[in-house]
């Protein structure tokens, strides 16, 4: 089940790659239906908050007509950063499934651990490493291409 949605998040990440953005993609799922999706658009929009998770949450909230995503699960190709983890928490998303760990900015235990954040709701359930190799490979290709320029 997780593979299906992570594959869709990887398609979003590929869109970012093709735009010259750091290839991270996210999909919000409710009742086995994608209700929001996004990919990094930081450079395109010149907006430091235009991360895949933020855009996917905005998309889902708009489609569902509520910011409370209590029944959702978010799939993201890279471990969420502190900003994105906080947005996921504030949106009340109870489960995060991610691919690759982010030792530089990951907030689910890699660089920082916000999993104990219990301000609004219970901490999100985390499942890490789903299609991690595919996520890492896309990131590696992106940064190799960037260094060649």
N, C-alpha and C. Protein backbone atom coordinates (compact mmCIF):
# COMPACT_ATOMS: atom_id res chain seq x y z
N UNK A 1 0.82 -1.20 0.00
CA UNK A 1 0.00 0.00 0.00
C UNK A 1 0.87 1.26 0.00
N UNK A 2 1.88 1.31 0.87
CA UNK A 2 2.73 2.50 0.92
C UNK A 2 3.49 2.71 -0.39
N UNK A 3 3.85 1.63 -1.06
CA UNK A 3 4.60 1.74 -2.31
C UNK A 3 3.83 2.54 -3.35
N UNK A 4 2.55 2.30 -3.44
CA UNK A 4 1.71 2.99 -4.44
C UNK A 4 1.78 4.50 -4.27
N UNK A 5 1.60 4.96 -3.04
CA UNK A 5 1.56 6.40 -2.80
C UNK A 5 2.95 7.02 -2.82
N UNK A 6 3.95 6.25 -2.39
CA UNK A 6 5.30 6.79 -2.46
C UNK A 6 5.74 6.90 -3.92
N UNK A 7 5.30 6.00 -4.76
CA UNK A 7 5.60 6.12 -6.19
C UNK A 7 5.00 7.40 -6.75
N UNK A 8 3.83 7.77 -6.29
CA UNK A 8 3.21 9.02 -6.73
C UNK A 8 4.01 10.22 -6.21
N UNK A 9 4.48 10.14 -4.95
CA UNK A 9 5.32 11.20 -4.41
C UNK A 9 6.61 11.32 -5.21
N UNK A 10 7.15 10.20 -5.65
CA UNK A 10 8.36 10.22 -6.50
C UNK A 10 8.08 10.87 -7.85
N UNK A 11 6.88 10.69 -8.38
CA UNK A 11 6.51 11.38 -9.63
C UNK A 11 6.49 12.89 -9.40
N UNK A 12 6.01 13.31 -8.25
CA UNK A 12 6.04 14.73 -7.91
C UNK A 12 7.49 15.21 -7.80
N UNK A 13 8.34 14.42 -7.18
CA UNK A 13 9.74 14.78 -7.05
C UNK A 13 10.40 14.91 -8.42
N UNK A 14 10.03 14.05 -9.33
CA UNK A 14 10.56 14.12 -10.70
C UNK A 14 10.17 15.43 -11.37
N UNK A 15 8.96 15.91 -11.10
CA UNK A 15 8.52 17.21 -11.64
C UNK A 15 9.43 18.33 -11.12
N UNK A 16 9.77 18.26 -9.85
CA UNK A 16 10.68 19.25 -9.28
C UNK A 16 12.04 19.17 -9.96
N UNK A 17 12.54 17.95 -10.12
CA UNK A 17 13.84 17.73 -10.77
C UNK A 17 13.86 18.39 -12.15
N UNK A 18 12.80 18.17 -12.91
CA UNK A 18 12.72 18.70 -14.27
C UNK A 18 12.66 20.23 -14.30
N UNK A 19 12.23 20.84 -13.22
CA UNK A 19 12.16 22.30 -13.12
C UNK A 19 13.43 22.90 -12.53
N UNK A 20 14.39 22.04 -12.18
CA UNK A 20 15.61 22.52 -11.56
C UNK A 20 15.47 22.77 -10.07
N UNK A 21 14.46 22.18 -9.48
CA UNK A 21 14.21 22.29 -8.04
C UNK A 21 14.75 21.05 -7.34
N UNK A 22 15.09 21.18 -6.06
CA UNK A 22 15.49 20.01 -5.29
C UNK A 22 14.34 19.01 -5.37
N UNK A 23 14.62 17.78 -5.82
CA UNK A 23 13.55 16.82 -6.12
C UNK A 23 12.94 16.16 -4.88
N UNK A 24 11.98 16.85 -4.31
CA UNK A 24 11.20 16.30 -3.21
C UNK A 24 9.74 16.40 -3.61
N UNK A 25 9.00 15.32 -3.38
CA UNK A 25 7.59 15.30 -3.69
C UNK A 25 6.79 14.79 -2.51
N UNK A 26 5.52 15.19 -2.45
CA UNK A 26 4.65 14.78 -1.35
C UNK A 26 3.23 14.55 -1.86
N UNK A 27 2.55 13.61 -1.22
CA UNK A 27 1.16 13.30 -1.53
C UNK A 27 0.42 13.11 -0.21
N UNK A 28 -0.76 13.74 -0.12
CA UNK A 28 -1.63 13.57 1.05
C UNK A 28 -2.76 12.63 0.63
N UNK A 29 -2.99 11.60 1.46
CA UNK A 29 -3.97 10.56 1.15
C UNK A 29 -4.99 10.47 2.27
N UNK A 30 -6.27 10.40 1.88
CA UNK A 30 -7.37 10.16 2.81
C UNK A 30 -8.24 9.06 2.22
N UNK A 31 -8.54 8.06 3.02
CA UNK A 31 -9.40 6.95 2.57
C UNK A 31 -8.96 6.37 1.23
N UNK A 32 -7.66 6.13 1.11
CA UNK A 32 -7.07 5.54 -0.09
C UNK A 32 -7.32 6.36 -1.35
N UNK A 33 -7.35 7.70 -1.18
CA UNK A 33 -7.49 8.61 -2.31
C UNK A 33 -6.52 9.76 -2.12
N UNK A 34 -5.78 10.10 -3.16
CA UNK A 34 -4.89 11.26 -3.11
C UNK A 34 -5.76 12.52 -3.13
N UNK A 35 -5.61 13.34 -2.09
CA UNK A 35 -6.40 14.57 -2.00
C UNK A 35 -5.53 15.82 -2.14
N UNK A 36 -4.23 15.63 -2.17
CA UNK A 36 -3.32 16.75 -2.36
C UNK A 36 -1.95 16.25 -2.76
N UNK A 37 -1.25 17.05 -3.53
CA UNK A 37 0.09 16.68 -3.97
C UNK A 37 0.90 17.96 -4.17
N UNK A 38 2.21 17.81 -4.08
CA UNK A 38 3.06 18.96 -4.33
C UNK A 38 4.50 18.53 -4.50
N UNK A 39 5.27 19.42 -5.06
CA UNK A 39 6.71 19.22 -5.19
C UNK A 39 7.39 20.56 -4.92
N UNK A 40 8.66 20.50 -4.59
CA UNK A 40 9.37 21.72 -4.25
C UNK A 40 9.27 22.75 -5.36
N UNK A 41 8.97 23.99 -4.97
CA UNK A 41 8.92 25.11 -5.90
C UNK A 41 9.60 26.34 -5.32
N UNK A 42 10.57 26.12 -4.45
CA UNK A 42 11.25 27.22 -3.76
C UNK A 42 11.87 28.20 -4.76
N UNK A 43 12.62 27.69 -5.72
CA UNK A 43 13.28 28.55 -6.71
C UNK A 43 12.28 29.17 -7.68
N UNK A 44 11.33 28.38 -8.13
CA UNK A 44 10.34 28.86 -9.09
C UNK A 44 9.53 30.01 -8.52
N UNK A 45 9.09 29.86 -7.28
CA UNK A 45 8.24 30.88 -6.65
C UNK A 45 9.05 31.90 -5.85
N UNK A 46 10.36 31.63 -5.70
CA UNK A 46 11.20 32.46 -4.84
C UNK A 46 10.55 32.60 -3.46
N UNK A 47 10.16 31.44 -2.92
CA UNK A 47 9.45 31.36 -1.65
C UNK A 47 10.10 30.26 -0.82
N UNK A 48 10.77 30.61 0.27
CA UNK A 48 11.45 29.59 1.07
C UNK A 48 10.50 28.60 1.75
N UNK A 49 9.21 28.89 1.75
CA UNK A 49 8.24 27.96 2.35
C UNK A 49 7.60 27.04 1.32
N UNK A 50 7.96 27.14 0.07
CA UNK A 50 7.32 26.36 -1.00
C UNK A 50 7.90 24.95 -1.08
N UNK A 51 7.92 24.26 0.06
CA UNK A 51 8.36 22.87 0.12
C UNK A 51 7.22 21.96 -0.32
N UNK A 52 7.57 20.78 -0.76
CA UNK A 52 6.58 19.82 -1.26
C UNK A 52 5.47 19.56 -0.24
N UNK A 53 5.85 19.36 1.02
CA UNK A 53 4.85 19.03 2.05
C UNK A 53 3.88 20.18 2.25
N UNK A 54 4.38 21.40 2.31
CA UNK A 54 3.53 22.58 2.52
C UNK A 54 2.53 22.69 1.37
N UNK A 55 3.02 22.54 0.15
CA UNK A 55 2.14 22.66 -1.03
C UNK A 55 1.13 21.53 -1.09
N UNK A 56 1.53 20.33 -0.70
CA UNK A 56 0.59 19.20 -0.68
C UNK A 56 -0.49 19.40 0.39
N UNK A 57 -0.10 19.92 1.55
CA UNK A 57 -1.08 20.19 2.61
C UNK A 57 -2.05 21.28 2.16
N UNK A 58 -1.54 22.33 1.54
CA UNK A 58 -2.41 23.40 1.04
C UNK A 58 -3.39 22.86 0.00
N UNK A 59 -2.89 22.01 -0.87
CA UNK A 59 -3.73 21.40 -1.91
C UNK A 59 -4.84 20.55 -1.28
N UNK A 60 -4.47 19.73 -0.31
CA UNK A 60 -5.45 18.86 0.36
C UNK A 60 -6.49 19.68 1.13
N UNK A 61 -6.03 20.68 1.86
CA UNK A 61 -6.95 21.51 2.64
C UNK A 61 -7.93 22.23 1.73
N UNK A 62 -7.44 22.73 0.60
CA UNK A 62 -8.31 23.41 -0.36
C UNK A 62 -9.34 22.46 -0.95
N UNK A 63 -8.90 21.29 -1.29
CA UNK A 63 -9.82 20.31 -1.89
C UNK A 63 -10.87 19.84 -0.90
N UNK A 64 -10.45 19.61 0.35
CA UNK A 64 -11.37 19.08 1.36
C UNK A 64 -12.17 20.17 2.07
N UNK A 65 -11.73 21.42 1.91
CA UNK A 65 -12.44 22.52 2.56
C UNK A 65 -12.19 22.60 4.06
N UNK A 66 -11.10 22.04 4.52
CA UNK A 66 -10.73 22.11 5.93
C UNK A 66 -9.24 21.97 6.09
N UNK A 67 -8.70 22.68 7.07
CA UNK A 67 -7.27 22.55 7.35
C UNK A 67 -6.99 21.41 8.31
N UNK A 68 -8.03 20.87 8.91
CA UNK A 68 -7.87 19.75 9.84
C UNK A 68 -7.85 18.44 9.06
N UNK A 69 -6.67 17.90 8.90
CA UNK A 69 -6.50 16.70 8.08
C UNK A 69 -6.31 15.48 8.98
N UNK A 70 -7.20 15.34 9.95
CA UNK A 70 -7.11 14.29 10.98
C UNK A 70 -7.10 12.87 10.43
N UNK A 71 -7.67 12.66 9.26
CA UNK A 71 -7.78 11.31 8.71
C UNK A 71 -6.77 11.07 7.59
N UNK A 72 -5.79 11.93 7.47
CA UNK A 72 -4.86 11.86 6.34
C UNK A 72 -3.56 11.16 6.72
N UNK A 73 -2.87 10.80 5.69
CA UNK A 73 -1.49 10.30 5.79
C UNK A 73 -0.72 11.08 4.73
N UNK A 74 0.50 11.49 5.06
CA UNK A 74 1.33 12.19 4.07
C UNK A 74 2.51 11.31 3.70
N UNK A 75 2.74 11.22 2.40
CA UNK A 75 3.89 10.50 1.85
C UNK A 75 4.84 11.55 1.30
N UNK A 76 6.09 11.47 1.68
CA UNK A 76 7.08 12.44 1.20
C UNK A 76 8.38 11.69 0.92
N UNK A 77 9.06 12.09 -0.13
CA UNK A 77 10.24 11.36 -0.57
C UNK A 77 11.45 11.58 0.32
N UNK A 78 11.46 12.67 1.06
CA UNK A 78 12.58 12.99 1.95
C UNK A 78 12.04 13.34 3.32
N UNK A 79 12.72 12.91 4.35
CA UNK A 79 12.33 13.21 5.73
C UNK A 79 12.02 14.69 5.89
N UNK A 80 10.86 15.03 6.44
CA UNK A 80 10.48 16.43 6.58
C UNK A 80 11.46 17.25 7.43
N UNK A 81 11.65 18.51 7.03
CA UNK A 81 12.45 19.45 7.80
C UNK A 81 11.61 19.96 8.97
N UNK A 82 12.19 20.74 9.87
CA UNK A 82 11.41 21.24 11.01
C UNK A 82 10.17 22.05 10.61
N UNK A 83 10.28 22.89 9.57
CA UNK A 83 9.13 23.67 9.12
C UNK A 83 8.01 22.75 8.64
N UNK A 84 8.36 21.77 7.83
CA UNK A 84 7.35 20.87 7.27
C UNK A 84 6.77 19.95 8.33
N UNK A 85 7.62 19.45 9.23
CA UNK A 85 7.11 18.61 10.30
C UNK A 85 6.09 19.40 11.13
N UNK A 86 6.41 20.65 11.43
CA UNK A 86 5.50 21.48 12.21
C UNK A 86 4.19 21.72 11.46
N UNK A 87 4.26 21.96 10.17
CA UNK A 87 3.04 22.15 9.37
C UNK A 87 2.19 20.88 9.36
N UNK A 88 2.84 19.74 9.24
CA UNK A 88 2.14 18.45 9.28
C UNK A 88 1.45 18.30 10.63
N UNK A 89 2.15 18.62 11.68
CA UNK A 89 1.60 18.53 13.03
C UNK A 89 0.41 19.48 13.20
N UNK A 90 0.57 20.73 12.76
CA UNK A 90 -0.50 21.71 12.90
C UNK A 90 -1.72 21.35 12.06
N UNK A 91 -1.50 20.66 10.94
CA UNK A 91 -2.62 20.20 10.11
C UNK A 91 -3.27 18.95 10.69
N UNK A 92 -2.68 18.46 11.79
CA UNK A 92 -3.19 17.29 12.51
C UNK A 92 -3.12 15.99 11.71
N UNK A 93 -2.16 15.91 10.81
CA UNK A 93 -1.96 14.68 10.05
C UNK A 93 -1.31 13.65 10.99
N UNK A 94 -1.97 12.52 11.20
CA UNK A 94 -1.48 11.58 12.21
C UNK A 94 -0.38 10.61 11.75
N UNK A 95 -0.07 10.60 10.44
CA UNK A 95 0.93 9.64 9.98
C UNK A 95 1.78 10.21 8.86
N UNK A 96 3.08 10.03 8.99
CA UNK A 96 4.06 10.46 8.00
C UNK A 96 4.79 9.23 7.49
N UNK A 97 4.81 9.06 6.17
CA UNK A 97 5.59 8.00 5.54
C UNK A 97 6.62 8.70 4.65
N UNK A 98 7.89 8.45 4.90
CA UNK A 98 8.89 9.10 4.06
C UNK A 98 9.91 8.10 3.54
N UNK A 99 10.60 8.55 2.49
CA UNK A 99 11.60 7.71 1.84
C UNK A 99 12.96 7.85 2.49
N UNK A 100 13.76 8.77 1.98
CA UNK A 100 15.15 8.92 2.43
C UNK A 100 15.24 9.75 3.70
N UNK A 101 16.17 9.37 4.56
CA UNK A 101 16.50 10.19 5.73
C UNK A 101 17.26 11.42 5.28
N UNK A 102 17.12 12.51 6.03
CA UNK A 102 17.85 13.75 5.74
C UNK A 102 18.73 14.09 6.93
N UNK A 103 20.01 13.68 6.89
CA UNK A 103 20.89 13.91 8.04
C UNK A 103 21.18 15.39 8.30
N UNK A 104 20.92 16.23 7.32
CA UNK A 104 21.21 17.66 7.46
C UNK A 104 20.05 18.43 8.10
N UNK A 105 18.80 18.12 7.69
CA UNK A 105 17.65 18.89 8.17
C UNK A 105 16.48 18.04 8.65
N UNK A 106 16.59 16.73 8.60
CA UNK A 106 15.47 15.86 8.95
C UNK A 106 15.00 16.04 10.39
N UNK A 107 13.70 16.22 10.57
CA UNK A 107 13.12 16.49 11.89
C UNK A 107 12.42 15.28 12.50
N UNK A 108 12.59 14.12 11.89
CA UNK A 108 11.97 12.90 12.42
C UNK A 108 13.01 12.00 13.08
N UNK A 109 14.09 12.60 13.52
CA UNK A 109 15.11 11.84 14.23
C UNK A 109 16.49 11.89 13.63
N UNK A 110 16.64 12.37 12.40
CA UNK A 110 17.97 12.37 11.78
C UNK A 110 18.83 13.53 12.29
N UNK A 111 18.43 14.77 12.00
CA UNK A 111 19.18 15.93 12.47
C UNK A 111 18.57 16.50 13.74
N UNK A 112 17.28 16.34 13.85
CA UNK A 112 16.50 16.90 14.95
C UNK A 112 15.34 15.94 15.17
N UNK A 113 14.83 15.90 16.38
CA UNK A 113 13.71 14.98 16.64
C UNK A 113 12.52 15.74 17.20
N UNK A 114 11.57 16.03 16.32
CA UNK A 114 10.34 16.70 16.74
C UNK A 114 9.21 15.71 16.98
N UNK A 115 9.53 14.43 16.95
CA UNK A 115 8.48 13.42 17.13
C UNK A 115 7.81 13.50 18.48
N UNK A 116 8.43 14.13 19.45
CA UNK A 116 7.83 14.27 20.77
C UNK A 116 6.91 15.47 20.87
N UNK A 117 6.82 16.27 19.81
CA UNK A 117 5.95 17.44 19.81
C UNK A 117 4.52 17.00 20.05
N UNK A 118 3.94 17.50 21.11
CA UNK A 118 2.60 17.05 21.50
C UNK A 118 1.75 18.26 21.84
N UNK A 119 1.84 19.31 21.02
CA UNK A 119 1.16 20.56 21.30
C UNK A 119 -0.32 20.53 20.93
N UNK A 120 -0.66 19.98 19.80
CA UNK A 120 -2.04 19.99 19.31
C UNK A 120 -2.67 18.61 19.37
N UNK A 121 -1.91 17.64 18.96
CA UNK A 121 -2.40 16.28 18.86
C UNK A 121 -1.29 15.34 19.31
N UNK A 122 -1.59 14.08 19.30
CA UNK A 122 -0.56 13.08 19.57
C UNK A 122 0.53 13.21 18.50
N UNK A 123 1.76 12.87 18.83
CA UNK A 123 2.80 12.88 17.81
C UNK A 123 2.44 11.95 16.64
N UNK A 124 2.86 12.35 15.46
CA UNK A 124 2.56 11.56 14.27
C UNK A 124 3.28 10.22 14.32
N UNK A 125 2.61 9.21 13.80
CA UNK A 125 3.25 7.91 13.59
C UNK A 125 4.17 8.08 12.37
N UNK A 126 5.37 7.54 12.47
CA UNK A 126 6.37 7.69 11.41
C UNK A 126 6.71 6.33 10.82
N UNK A 127 6.73 6.26 9.50
CA UNK A 127 7.28 5.09 8.82
C UNK A 127 8.34 5.60 7.86
N UNK A 128 9.57 5.21 8.08
CA UNK A 128 10.70 5.70 7.30
C UNK A 128 11.24 4.62 6.37
N UNK A 129 11.89 5.05 5.31
CA UNK A 129 12.61 4.15 4.43
C UNK A 129 11.80 3.54 3.30
N UNK A 130 10.58 4.02 3.07
CA UNK A 130 9.76 3.47 1.98
C UNK A 130 10.29 4.02 0.65
N UNK A 131 10.77 3.15 -0.18
CA UNK A 131 11.37 3.50 -1.47
C UNK A 131 12.52 4.51 -1.29
N UNK A 132 13.25 4.33 -0.22
CA UNK A 132 14.34 5.25 0.13
C UNK A 132 15.41 5.31 -0.95
N UNK A 133 15.75 4.17 -1.52
CA UNK A 133 16.82 4.15 -2.52
C UNK A 133 16.44 4.97 -3.75
N UNK A 134 15.21 4.87 -4.19
CA UNK A 134 14.75 5.66 -5.34
C UNK A 134 14.81 7.15 -5.02
N UNK A 135 14.41 7.51 -3.81
CA UNK A 135 14.45 8.91 -3.39
C UNK A 135 15.88 9.42 -3.34
N UNK A 136 16.77 8.64 -2.74
CA UNK A 136 18.19 9.03 -2.64
C UNK A 136 18.82 9.18 -4.02
N UNK A 137 18.50 8.25 -4.92
CA UNK A 137 19.09 8.29 -6.25
C UNK A 137 18.69 9.57 -6.99
N UNK A 138 17.42 9.95 -6.90
CA UNK A 138 16.96 11.16 -7.58
C UNK A 138 17.67 12.40 -7.00
N UNK A 139 17.80 12.44 -5.69
CA UNK A 139 18.51 13.56 -5.04
C UNK A 139 19.98 13.58 -5.46
N UNK A 140 20.60 12.41 -5.49
CA UNK A 140 22.01 12.31 -5.88
C UNK A 140 22.20 12.80 -7.32
N UNK A 141 21.33 12.38 -8.23
CA UNK A 141 21.42 12.82 -9.62
C UNK A 141 21.27 14.33 -9.73
N UNK A 142 20.34 14.88 -8.96
CA UNK A 142 20.11 16.32 -8.99
C UNK A 142 21.36 17.09 -8.57
N UNK A 143 21.94 16.70 -7.44
CA UNK A 143 23.09 17.43 -6.94
C UNK A 143 24.34 17.20 -7.79
N UNK A 144 24.47 16.03 -8.41
CA UNK A 144 25.58 15.82 -9.35
C UNK A 144 25.43 16.75 -10.54
N UNK A 145 24.23 16.85 -11.06
CA UNK A 145 23.95 17.72 -12.21
C UNK A 145 24.21 19.18 -11.84
N UNK A 146 23.82 19.56 -10.64
CA UNK A 146 24.03 20.93 -10.16
C UNK A 146 25.51 21.26 -10.06
N UNK A 147 26.30 20.33 -9.56
CA UNK A 147 27.75 20.56 -9.41
C UNK A 147 28.44 20.65 -10.77
N UNK A 148 27.89 20.01 -11.79
CA UNK A 148 28.50 20.05 -13.13
C UNK A 148 28.32 21.40 -13.80
N UNK A 149 27.34 22.17 -13.35
CA UNK A 149 27.08 23.49 -13.99
C UNK A 149 28.13 24.50 -13.64
